[in-house]
Every structure is written in structure tokens, then in C-alpha cells.
Amino acid sequence: MFSIETVALQVDPVANVEQLIEGFGQVAANGDPLSIALLVVGAVLTGLAVGAFGVLAAGGLLSGLARSLSREPPRGA
């Protein structure tokens, strides 16, 4: 059975990010050209995916905003 204290100890985003950066740093500092190339390719692919999603999300938000602002009021009878 899980308790809140157990889950709180396992979920620490700051520590997880620190461990992740440390792990990637160790792989990059290893000096193996293949490891460095894989890290770079992964970073580029992730950056492109994040950028593409950001552009699509911004376009969707701006499109919806433009439609709502450009509506004409209903004509009175």
C-alpha cells in the first residue's frame, strides 16, 4: 500500500532534473563520438518536435482568437 509520504519521496521534479542533467553530462563527458552524436541528434529531434508543436498550438490559439474577435454582432430585426 502506498502512502502520501512514499509518493512524495519518489516524486521530486528538481532532483529528477538534476539527476537527468548529471547523467547526460556523464555520457557527453565520456568522449565517445557516437554517444555525443546520439545526444546531439536526440536534442535536435526533440527541439524540432517541441518547436513544431508550439507553432501549431500558437496557430490554433490565434485562429480561434481571430475568429472570436472578427464576428459581427447579430442584426436586429
PDB file of N, CA and C in Angstrom:
ATOM      1  N   MET A   1       0.835  -1.172   0.000  1.00  0.00           N
ATOM      2  CA  MET A   1       0.000   0.000   0.000  1.00  0.00           C
ATOM      3  C   MET A   1       0.888   1.247   0.000  1.00  0.00           C
ATOM      4  N   PHE A   2       0.467   2.234  -0.742  1.00  0.00           N
ATOM      5  CA  PHE A   2       1.232   3.471  -0.840  1.00  0.00           C
ATOM      6  C   PHE A   2       0.660   4.514   0.103  1.00  0.00           C
ATOM      7  N   SER A   3       1.538   5.283   0.657  1.00  0.00           N
ATOM      8  CA  SER A   3       1.096   6.428   1.450  1.00  0.00           C
ATOM      9  C   SER A   3       1.552   7.702   0.751  1.00  0.00           C
ATOM     10  N   ILE A   4       1.006   8.798   1.181  1.00  0.00           N
ATOM     11  CA  ILE A   4       1.356  10.080   0.557  1.00  0.00           C
ATOM     12  C   ILE A   4       2.836  10.381   0.762  1.00  0.00           C
ATOM     13  N   GLU A   5       3.374  10.014   1.921  1.00  0.00           N
ATOM     14  CA  GLU A   5       4.790  10.274   2.183  1.00  0.00           C
ATOM     15  C   GLU A   5       5.680   9.497   1.222  1.00  0.00           C
ATOM     16  N   THR A   6       5.307   8.243   0.925  1.00  0.00           N
ATOM     17  CA  THR A   6       6.091   7.428  -0.002  1.00  0.00           C
ATOM     18  C   THR A   6       6.080   8.036  -1.389  1.00  0.00           C
ATOM     19  N   VAL A   7       4.919   8.469  -1.844  1.00  0.00           N
ATOM     20  CA  VAL A   7       4.809   9.066  -3.171  1.00  0.00           C
ATOM     21  C   VAL A   7       5.560  10.389  -3.214  1.00  0.00           C
ATOM     22  N   ALA A   8       5.484  11.173  -2.146  1.00  0.00           N
ATOM     23  CA  ALA A   8       6.176  12.461  -2.111  1.00  0.00           C
ATOM     24  C   ALA A   8       7.686  12.269  -2.179  1.00  0.00           C
ATOM     25  N   LEU A   9       8.191  11.199  -1.584  1.00  0.00           N
ATOM     26  CA  LEU A   9       9.623  10.948  -1.643  1.00  0.00           C
ATOM     27  C   LEU A   9      10.059  10.514  -3.036  1.00  0.00           C
ATOM     28  N   GLN A  10       9.185   9.826  -3.755  1.00  0.00           N
ATOM     29  CA  GLN A  10       9.540   9.330  -5.077  1.00  0.00           C
ATOM     30  C   GLN A  10       9.398  10.391  -6.151  1.00  0.00           C
ATOM     31  N   VAL A  11       8.538  11.371  -5.950  1.00  0.00           N
ATOM     32  CA  VAL A  11       8.270  12.379  -6.966  1.00  0.00           C
ATOM     33  C   VAL A  11       8.894  13.691  -6.519  1.00  0.00           C
ATOM     34  N   ASP A  12      10.099  13.932  -6.970  1.00  0.00           N
ATOM     35  CA  ASP A  12      10.797  15.180  -6.679  1.00  0.00           C
ATOM     36  C   ASP A  12      11.340  15.709  -7.998  1.00  0.00           C
ATOM     37  N   PRO A  13      10.601  16.592  -8.670  1.00  0.00           N
ATOM     38  CA  PRO A  13      10.999  17.023 -10.010  1.00  0.00           C
ATOM     39  C   PRO A  13      12.371  17.681 -10.058  1.00  0.00           C
ATOM     40  N   VAL A  14      12.716  18.449  -9.041  1.00  0.00           N
ATOM     41  CA  VAL A  14      14.010  19.133  -9.055  1.00  0.00           C
ATOM     42  C   VAL A  14      15.143  18.117  -8.992  1.00  0.00           C
ATOM     43  N   ALA A  15      15.024  17.147  -8.113  1.00  0.00           N
ATOM     44  CA  ALA A  15      16.067  16.123  -8.009  1.00  0.00           C
ATOM     45  C   ALA A  15      16.123  15.278  -9.272  1.00  0.00           C
ATOM     46  N   ASN A  16      14.966  14.985  -9.859  1.00  0.00           N
ATOM     47  CA  ASN A  16      14.953  14.196 -11.090  1.00  0.00           C
ATOM     48  C   ASN A  16      15.646  14.933 -12.226  1.00  0.00           C
ATOM     49  N   VAL A  17      15.406  16.227 -12.345  1.00  0.00           N
ATOM     50  CA  VAL A  17      16.052  17.013 -13.402  1.00  0.00           C
ATOM     51  C   VAL A  17      17.551  17.079 -13.160  1.00  0.00           C
ATOM     52  N   GLU A  18      17.941  17.252 -11.903  1.00  0.00           N
ATOM     53  CA  GLU A  18      19.370  17.288 -11.587  1.00  0.00           C
ATOM     54  C   GLU A  18      20.040  15.964 -11.948  1.00  0.00           C
ATOM     55  N   GLN A  19      19.401  14.861 -11.629  1.00  0.00           N
ATOM     56  CA  GLN A  19      19.956  13.550 -11.965  1.00  0.00           C
ATOM     57  C   GLN A  19      20.010  13.345 -13.470  1.00  0.00           C
ATOM     58  N   LEU A  20      18.995  13.822 -14.168  1.00  0.00           N
ATOM     59  CA  LEU A  20      18.960  13.694 -15.625  1.00  0.00           C
ATOM     60  C   LEU A  20      20.102  14.478 -16.263  1.00  0.00           C
ATOM     61  N   ILE A  21      20.296  15.711 -15.825  1.00  0.00           N
ATOM     62  CA  ILE A  21      21.376  16.536 -16.369  1.00  0.00           C
ATOM     63  C   ILE A  21      22.732  15.918 -16.044  1.00  0.00           C
ATOM     64  N   GLU A  22      22.869  15.421 -14.828  1.00  0.00           N
ATOM     65  CA  GLU A  22      24.125  14.776 -14.437  1.00  0.00           C
ATOM     66  C   GLU A  22      24.403  13.544 -15.296  1.00  0.00           C
ATOM     67  N   GLY A  23      23.370  12.757 -15.559  1.00  0.00           N
ATOM     68  CA  GLY A  23      23.534  11.561 -16.393  1.00  0.00           C
ATOM     69  C   GLY A  23      23.925  11.899 -17.818  1.00  0.00           C
ATOM     70  N   PHE A  24      23.252  12.894 -18.408  1.00  0.00           N
ATOM     71  CA  PHE A  24      23.609  13.313 -19.762  1.00  0.00           C
ATOM     72  C   PHE A  24      25.010  13.914 -19.797  1.00  0.00           C
ATOM     73  N   GLY A  25      25.371  14.630 -18.750  1.00  0.00           N
ATOM     74  CA  GLY A  25      26.714  15.200 -18.682  1.00  0.00           C
ATOM     75  C   GLY A  25      27.791  14.132 -18.627  1.00  0.00           C
ATOM     76  N   GLN A  26      27.529  13.070 -17.889  1.00  0.00           N
ATOM     77  CA  GLN A  26      28.495  11.971 -17.813  1.00  0.00           C
ATOM     78  C   GLN A  26      28.646  11.273 -19.157  1.00  0.00           C
ATOM     79  N   VAL A  27      27.529  11.108 -19.867  1.00  0.00           N
ATOM     80  CA  VAL A  27      27.599  10.473 -21.188  1.00  0.00           C
ATOM     81  C   VAL A  27      28.365  11.363 -22.154  1.00  0.00           C
ATOM     82  N   ALA A  28      28.105  12.673 -22.114  1.00  0.00           N
ATOM     83  CA  ALA A  28      28.798  13.594 -23.017  1.00  0.00           C
ATOM     84  C   ALA A  28      30.277  13.704 -22.664  1.00  0.00           C
ATOM     85  N   ALA A  29      30.598  13.657 -21.369  1.00  0.00           N
ATOM     86  CA  ALA A  29      31.991  13.767 -20.941  1.00  0.00           C
ATOM     87  C   ALA A  29      32.771  12.487 -21.197  1.00  0.00           C
ATOM     88  N   ASN A  30      32.077  11.416 -21.518  1.00  0.00           N
ATOM     89  CA  ASN A  30      32.724  10.142 -21.802  1.00  0.00           C
ATOM     90  C   ASN A  30      33.700  10.270 -22.966  1.00  0.00           C
ATOM     91  N   GLY A  31      33.391  11.157 -23.908  1.00  0.00           N
ATOM     92  CA  GLY A  31      34.284  11.390 -25.037  1.00  0.00           C
ATOM     93  C   GLY A  31      34.036  10.494 -26.223  1.00  0.00           C
ATOM     94  N   ASP A  32      33.116   9.555 -26.104  1.00  0.00           N
ATOM     95  CA  ASP A  32      32.799   8.670 -27.215  1.00  0.00           C
ATOM     96  C   ASP A  32      32.052   9.467 -28.283  1.00  0.00           C
ATOM     97  N   PRO A  33      32.590   9.536 -29.508  1.00  0.00           N
ATOM     98  CA  PRO A  33      31.938  10.345 -30.544  1.00  0.00           C
ATOM     99  C   PRO A  33      30.526   9.876 -30.878  1.00  0.00           C
ATOM    100  N   LEU A  34      30.282   8.577 -30.814  1.00  0.00           N
ATOM    101  CA  LEU A  34      28.946   8.072 -31.117  1.00  0.00           C
ATOM    102  C   LEU A  34      27.938   8.526 -30.056  1.00  0.00           C
ATOM    103  N   SER A  35      28.333   8.505 -28.798  1.00  0.00           N
ATOM    104  CA  SER A  35      27.444   8.959 -27.728  1.00  0.00           C
ATOM    105  C   SER A  35      27.121  10.435 -27.880  1.00  0.00           C
ATOM    106  N   ILE A  36      28.131  11.220 -28.203  1.00  0.00           N
ATOM    107  CA  ILE A  36      27.913  12.656 -28.391  1.00  0.00           C
ATOM    108  C   ILE A  36      27.009  12.895 -29.594  1.00  0.00           C
ATOM    109  N   ALA A  37      27.229  12.163 -30.677  1.00  0.00           N
ATOM    110  CA  ALA A  37      26.391  12.321 -31.869  1.00  0.00           C
ATOM    111  C   ALA A  37      24.944  11.939 -31.568  1.00  0.00           C
ATOM    112  N   LEU A  38      24.741  10.874 -30.807  1.00  0.00           N
ATOM    113  CA  LEU A  38      23.382  10.468 -30.453  1.00  0.00           C
ATOM    114  C   LEU A  38      22.705  11.503 -29.563  1.00  0.00           C
ATOM    115  N   LEU A  39      23.448  12.092 -28.638  1.00  0.00           N
ATOM    116  CA  LEU A  39      22.883  13.153 -27.805  1.00  0.00           C
ATOM    117  C   LEU A  39      22.482  14.357 -28.648  1.00  0.00           C
ATOM    118  N   VAL A  40      23.325  14.725 -29.603  1.00  0.00           N
ATOM    119  CA  VAL A  40      23.022  15.878 -30.458  1.00  0.00           C
ATOM    120  C   VAL A  40      21.806  15.591 -31.334  1.00  0.00           C
ATOM    121  N   VAL A  41      21.762  14.410 -31.935  1.00  0.00           N
ATOM    122  CA  VAL A  41      20.618  14.057 -32.785  1.00  0.00           C
ATOM    123  C   VAL A  41      19.333  14.031 -31.955  1.00  0.00           C
ATOM    124  N   GLY A  42      19.391  13.471 -30.768  1.00  0.00           N
ATOM    125  CA  GLY A  42      18.219  13.453 -29.893  1.00  0.00           C
ATOM    126  C   GLY A  42      17.769  14.849 -29.509  1.00  0.00           C
ATOM    127  N   ALA A  43      18.730  15.719 -29.216  1.00  0.00           N
ATOM    128  CA  ALA A  43      18.384  17.097 -28.859  1.00  0.00           C
ATOM    129  C   ALA A  43      17.755  17.830 -30.032  1.00  0.00           C
ATOM    130  N   VAL A  44      18.291  17.620 -31.237  1.00  0.00           N
ATOM    131  CA  VAL A  44      17.741  18.283 -32.427  1.00  0.00           C
ATOM    132  C   VAL A  44      16.328  17.782 -32.713  1.00  0.00           C
ATOM    133  N   LEU A  45      16.128  16.465 -32.674  1.00  0.00           N
ATOM    134  CA  LEU A  45      14.793  15.917 -32.929  1.00  0.00           C
ATOM    135  C   LEU A  45      13.783  16.389 -31.885  1.00  0.00           C
ATOM    136  N   THR A  46      14.190  16.409 -30.629  1.00  0.00           N
ATOM    137  CA  THR A  46      13.299  16.883 -29.578  1.00  0.00           C
ATOM    138  C   THR A  46      12.997  18.363 -29.754  1.00  0.00           C
ATOM    139  N   GLY A  47      14.010  19.147 -30.080  1.00  0.00           N
ATOM    140  CA  GLY A  47      13.795  20.579 -30.304  1.00  0.00           C
ATOM    141  C   GLY A  47      12.867  20.855 -31.470  1.00  0.00           C
ATOM    142  N   LEU A  48      13.029  20.088 -32.553  1.00  0.00           N
ATOM    143  CA  LEU A  48      12.138  20.265 -33.708  1.00  0.00           C
ATOM    144  C   LEU A  48      10.696  19.887 -33.362  1.00  0.00           C
ATOM    145  N   ALA A  49      10.530  18.806 -32.619  1.00  0.00           N
ATOM    146  CA  ALA A  49       9.177  18.388 -32.236  1.00  0.00           C
ATOM    147  C   ALA A  49       8.522  19.418 -31.323  1.00  0.00           C
ATOM    148  N   VAL A  50       9.266  19.922 -30.364  1.00  0.00           N
ATOM    149  CA  VAL A  50       8.725  20.939 -29.459  1.00  0.00           C
ATOM    150  C   VAL A  50       8.396  22.207 -30.229  1.00  0.00           C
ATOM    151  N   GLY A  51       9.276  22.612 -31.137  1.00  0.00           N
ATOM    152  CA  GLY A  51       9.023  23.811 -31.940  1.00  0.00           C
ATOM    153  C   GLY A  51       7.806  23.659 -32.833  1.00  0.00           C
ATOM    154  N   ALA A  52       7.671  22.504 -33.476  1.00  0.00           N
ATOM    155  CA  ALA A  52       6.520  22.280 -34.358  1.00  0.00           C
ATOM    156  C   ALA A  52       5.223  22.280 -33.563  1.00  0.00           C
ATOM    157  N   PHE A  53       5.215  21.628 -32.414  1.00  0.00           N
ATOM    158  CA  PHE A  53       4.010  21.628 -31.593  1.00  0.00           C
ATOM    159  C   PHE A  53       3.701  23.032 -31.091  1.00  0.00           C
ATOM    160  N   GLY A  54       4.715  23.782 -30.729  1.00  0.00           N
ATOM    161  CA  GLY A  54       4.499  25.155 -30.273  1.00  0.00           C
ATOM    162  C   GLY A  54       3.891  26.026 -31.351  1.00  0.00           C
ATOM    163  N   VAL A  55       4.383  25.874 -32.584  1.00  0.00           N
ATOM    164  CA  VAL A  55       3.832  26.653 -33.701  1.00  0.00           C
ATOM    165  C   VAL A  55       2.383  26.256 -33.959  1.00  0.00           C
ATOM    166  N   LEU A  56       2.086  24.960 -33.944  1.00  0.00           N
ATOM    167  CA  LEU A  56       0.713  24.505 -34.159  1.00  0.00           C
ATOM    168  C   LEU A  56      -0.218  24.983 -33.045  1.00  0.00           C
ATOM    169  N   ALA A  57       0.240  24.910 -31.812  1.00  0.00           N
ATOM    170  CA  ALA A  57      -0.589  25.354 -30.695  1.00  0.00           C
ATOM    171  C   ALA A  57      -0.838  26.858 -30.762  1.00  0.00           C
ATOM    172  N   ALA A  58       0.205  27.634 -31.062  1.00  0.00           N
ATOM    173  CA  ALA A  58       0.037  29.088 -31.176  1.00  0.00           C
ATOM    174  C   ALA A  58      -0.888  29.432 -32.335  1.00  0.00           C
ATOM    175  N   GLY A  59      -0.752  28.730 -33.453  1.00  0.00           N
ATOM    176  CA  GLY A  59      -1.632  28.967 -34.597  1.00  0.00           C
ATOM    177  C   GLY A  59      -3.081  28.664 -34.272  1.00  0.00           C
ATOM    178  N   GLY A  60      -3.321  27.580 -33.559  1.00  0.00           N
ATOM    179  CA  GLY A  60      -4.685  27.236 -33.161  1.00  0.00           C
ATOM    180  C   GLY A  60      -5.284  28.272 -32.227  1.00  0.00           C
ATOM    181  N   LEU A  61      -4.487  28.726 -31.266  1.00  0.00           N
ATOM    182  CA  LEU A  61      -4.981  29.749 -30.347  1.00  0.00           C
ATOM    183  C   LEU A  61      -5.255  31.064 -31.063  1.00  0.00           C
ATOM    184  N   LEU A  62      -4.343  31.474 -31.923  1.00  0.00           N
ATOM    185  CA  LEU A  62      -4.536  32.733 -32.650  1.00  0.00           C
ATOM    186  C   LEU A  62      -5.694  32.638 -33.628  1.00  0.00           C
ATOM    187  N   SER A  63      -5.888  31.490 -34.248  1.00  0.00           N
ATOM    188  CA  SER A  63      -7.003  31.307 -35.172  1.00  0.00           C
ATOM    189  C   SER A  63      -8.337  31.429 -34.436  1.00  0.00           C
ATOM    190  N   GLY A  64      -8.442  30.771 -33.306  1.00  0.00           N
ATOM    191  CA  GLY A  64      -9.666  30.867 -32.515  1.00  0.00           C
ATOM    192  C   GLY A  64      -9.910  32.270 -32.001  1.00  0.00           C
ATOM    193  N   LEU A  65      -8.848  32.940 -31.596  1.00  0.00           N
ATOM    194  CA  LEU A  65      -8.972  34.313 -31.109  1.00  0.00           C
ATOM    195  C   LEU A  65      -9.384  35.252 -32.232  1.00  0.00           C
ATOM    196  N   ALA A  66      -8.811  35.076 -33.409  1.00  0.00           N
ATOM    197  CA  ALA A  66      -9.155  35.933 -34.548  1.00  0.00           C
ATOM    198  C   ALA A  66     -10.606  35.727 -34.956  1.00  0.00           C
ATOM    199  N   ARG A  67     -11.079  34.479 -34.922  1.00  0.00           N
ATOM    200  CA  ARG A  67     -12.483  34.215 -35.272  1.00  0.00           C
ATOM    201  C   ARG A  67     -13.432  34.862 -34.279  1.00  0.00           C
ATOM    202  N   SER A  68     -13.091  34.777 -32.995  1.00  0.00           N
ATOM    203  CA  SER A  68     -13.998  35.330 -31.991  1.00  0.00           C
ATOM    204  C   SER A  68     -13.990  36.856 -32.013  1.00  0.00           C
ATOM    205  N   LEU A  69     -12.884  37.462 -32.387  1.00  0.00           N
ATOM    206  CA  LEU A  69     -12.820  38.925 -32.436  1.00  0.00           C
ATOM    207  C   LEU A  69     -13.418  39.492 -33.709  1.00  0.00           C
ATOM    208  N   SER A  70     -13.457  38.721 -34.777  1.00  0.00           N
ATOM    209  CA  SER A  70     -13.923  39.254 -36.053  1.00  0.00           C
ATOM    210  C   SER A  70     -15.400  38.983 -36.305  1.00  0.00           C
ATOM    211  N   ARG A  71     -16.100  38.418 -35.366  1.00  0.00           N
ATOM    212  CA  ARG A  71     -17.531  38.153 -35.547  1.00  0.00           C
ATOM    213  C   ARG A  71     -18.307  39.461 -35.568  1.00  0.00           C
ATOM    214  N   GLU A  72     -19.278  39.495 -36.439  1.00  0.00           N
ATOM    215  CA  GLU A  72     -20.161  40.655 -36.476  1.00  0.00           C
ATOM    216  C   GLU A  72     -21.302  40.422 -35.493  1.00  0.00           C
ATOM    217  N   PRO A  73     -21.759  41.476 -34.878  1.00  0.00           N
ATOM    218  CA  PRO A  73     -22.892  41.295 -33.970  1.00  0.00           C
ATOM    219  C   PRO A  73     -24.141  40.900 -34.752  1.00  0.00           C
ATOM    220  N   PRO A  74     -25.053  40.190 -34.137  1.00  0.00           N
ATOM    221  CA  PRO A  74     -26.271  39.792 -34.857  1.00  0.00           C
ATOM    222  C   PRO A  74     -27.091  41.014 -35.264  1.00  0.00           C
ATOM    223  N   ARG A  75     -27.694  40.912 -36.426  1.00  0.00           N
ATOM    224  CA  ARG A  75     -28.516  42.026 -36.915  1.00  0.00           C
ATOM    225  C   ARG A  75     -29.856  42.038 -36.186  1.00  0.00           C
ATOM    226  N   GLY A  76     -30.236  43.202 -35.769  1.00  0.00           N
ATOM    227  CA  GLY A  76     -31.521  43.347 -35.072  1.00  0.00           C
ATOM    228  C   GLY A  76     -32.679  43.319 -36.054  1.00  0.00           C
ATOM    229  N   ALA A  77     -33.809  42.817 -35.624  1.00  0.00           N
ATOM    230  CA  ALA A  77     -34.979  42.722 -36.509  1.00  0.00           C
ATOM    231  C   ALA A  77     -35.817  43.976 -36.444  1.00  0.00           C
TER     232      ALA A  77
END
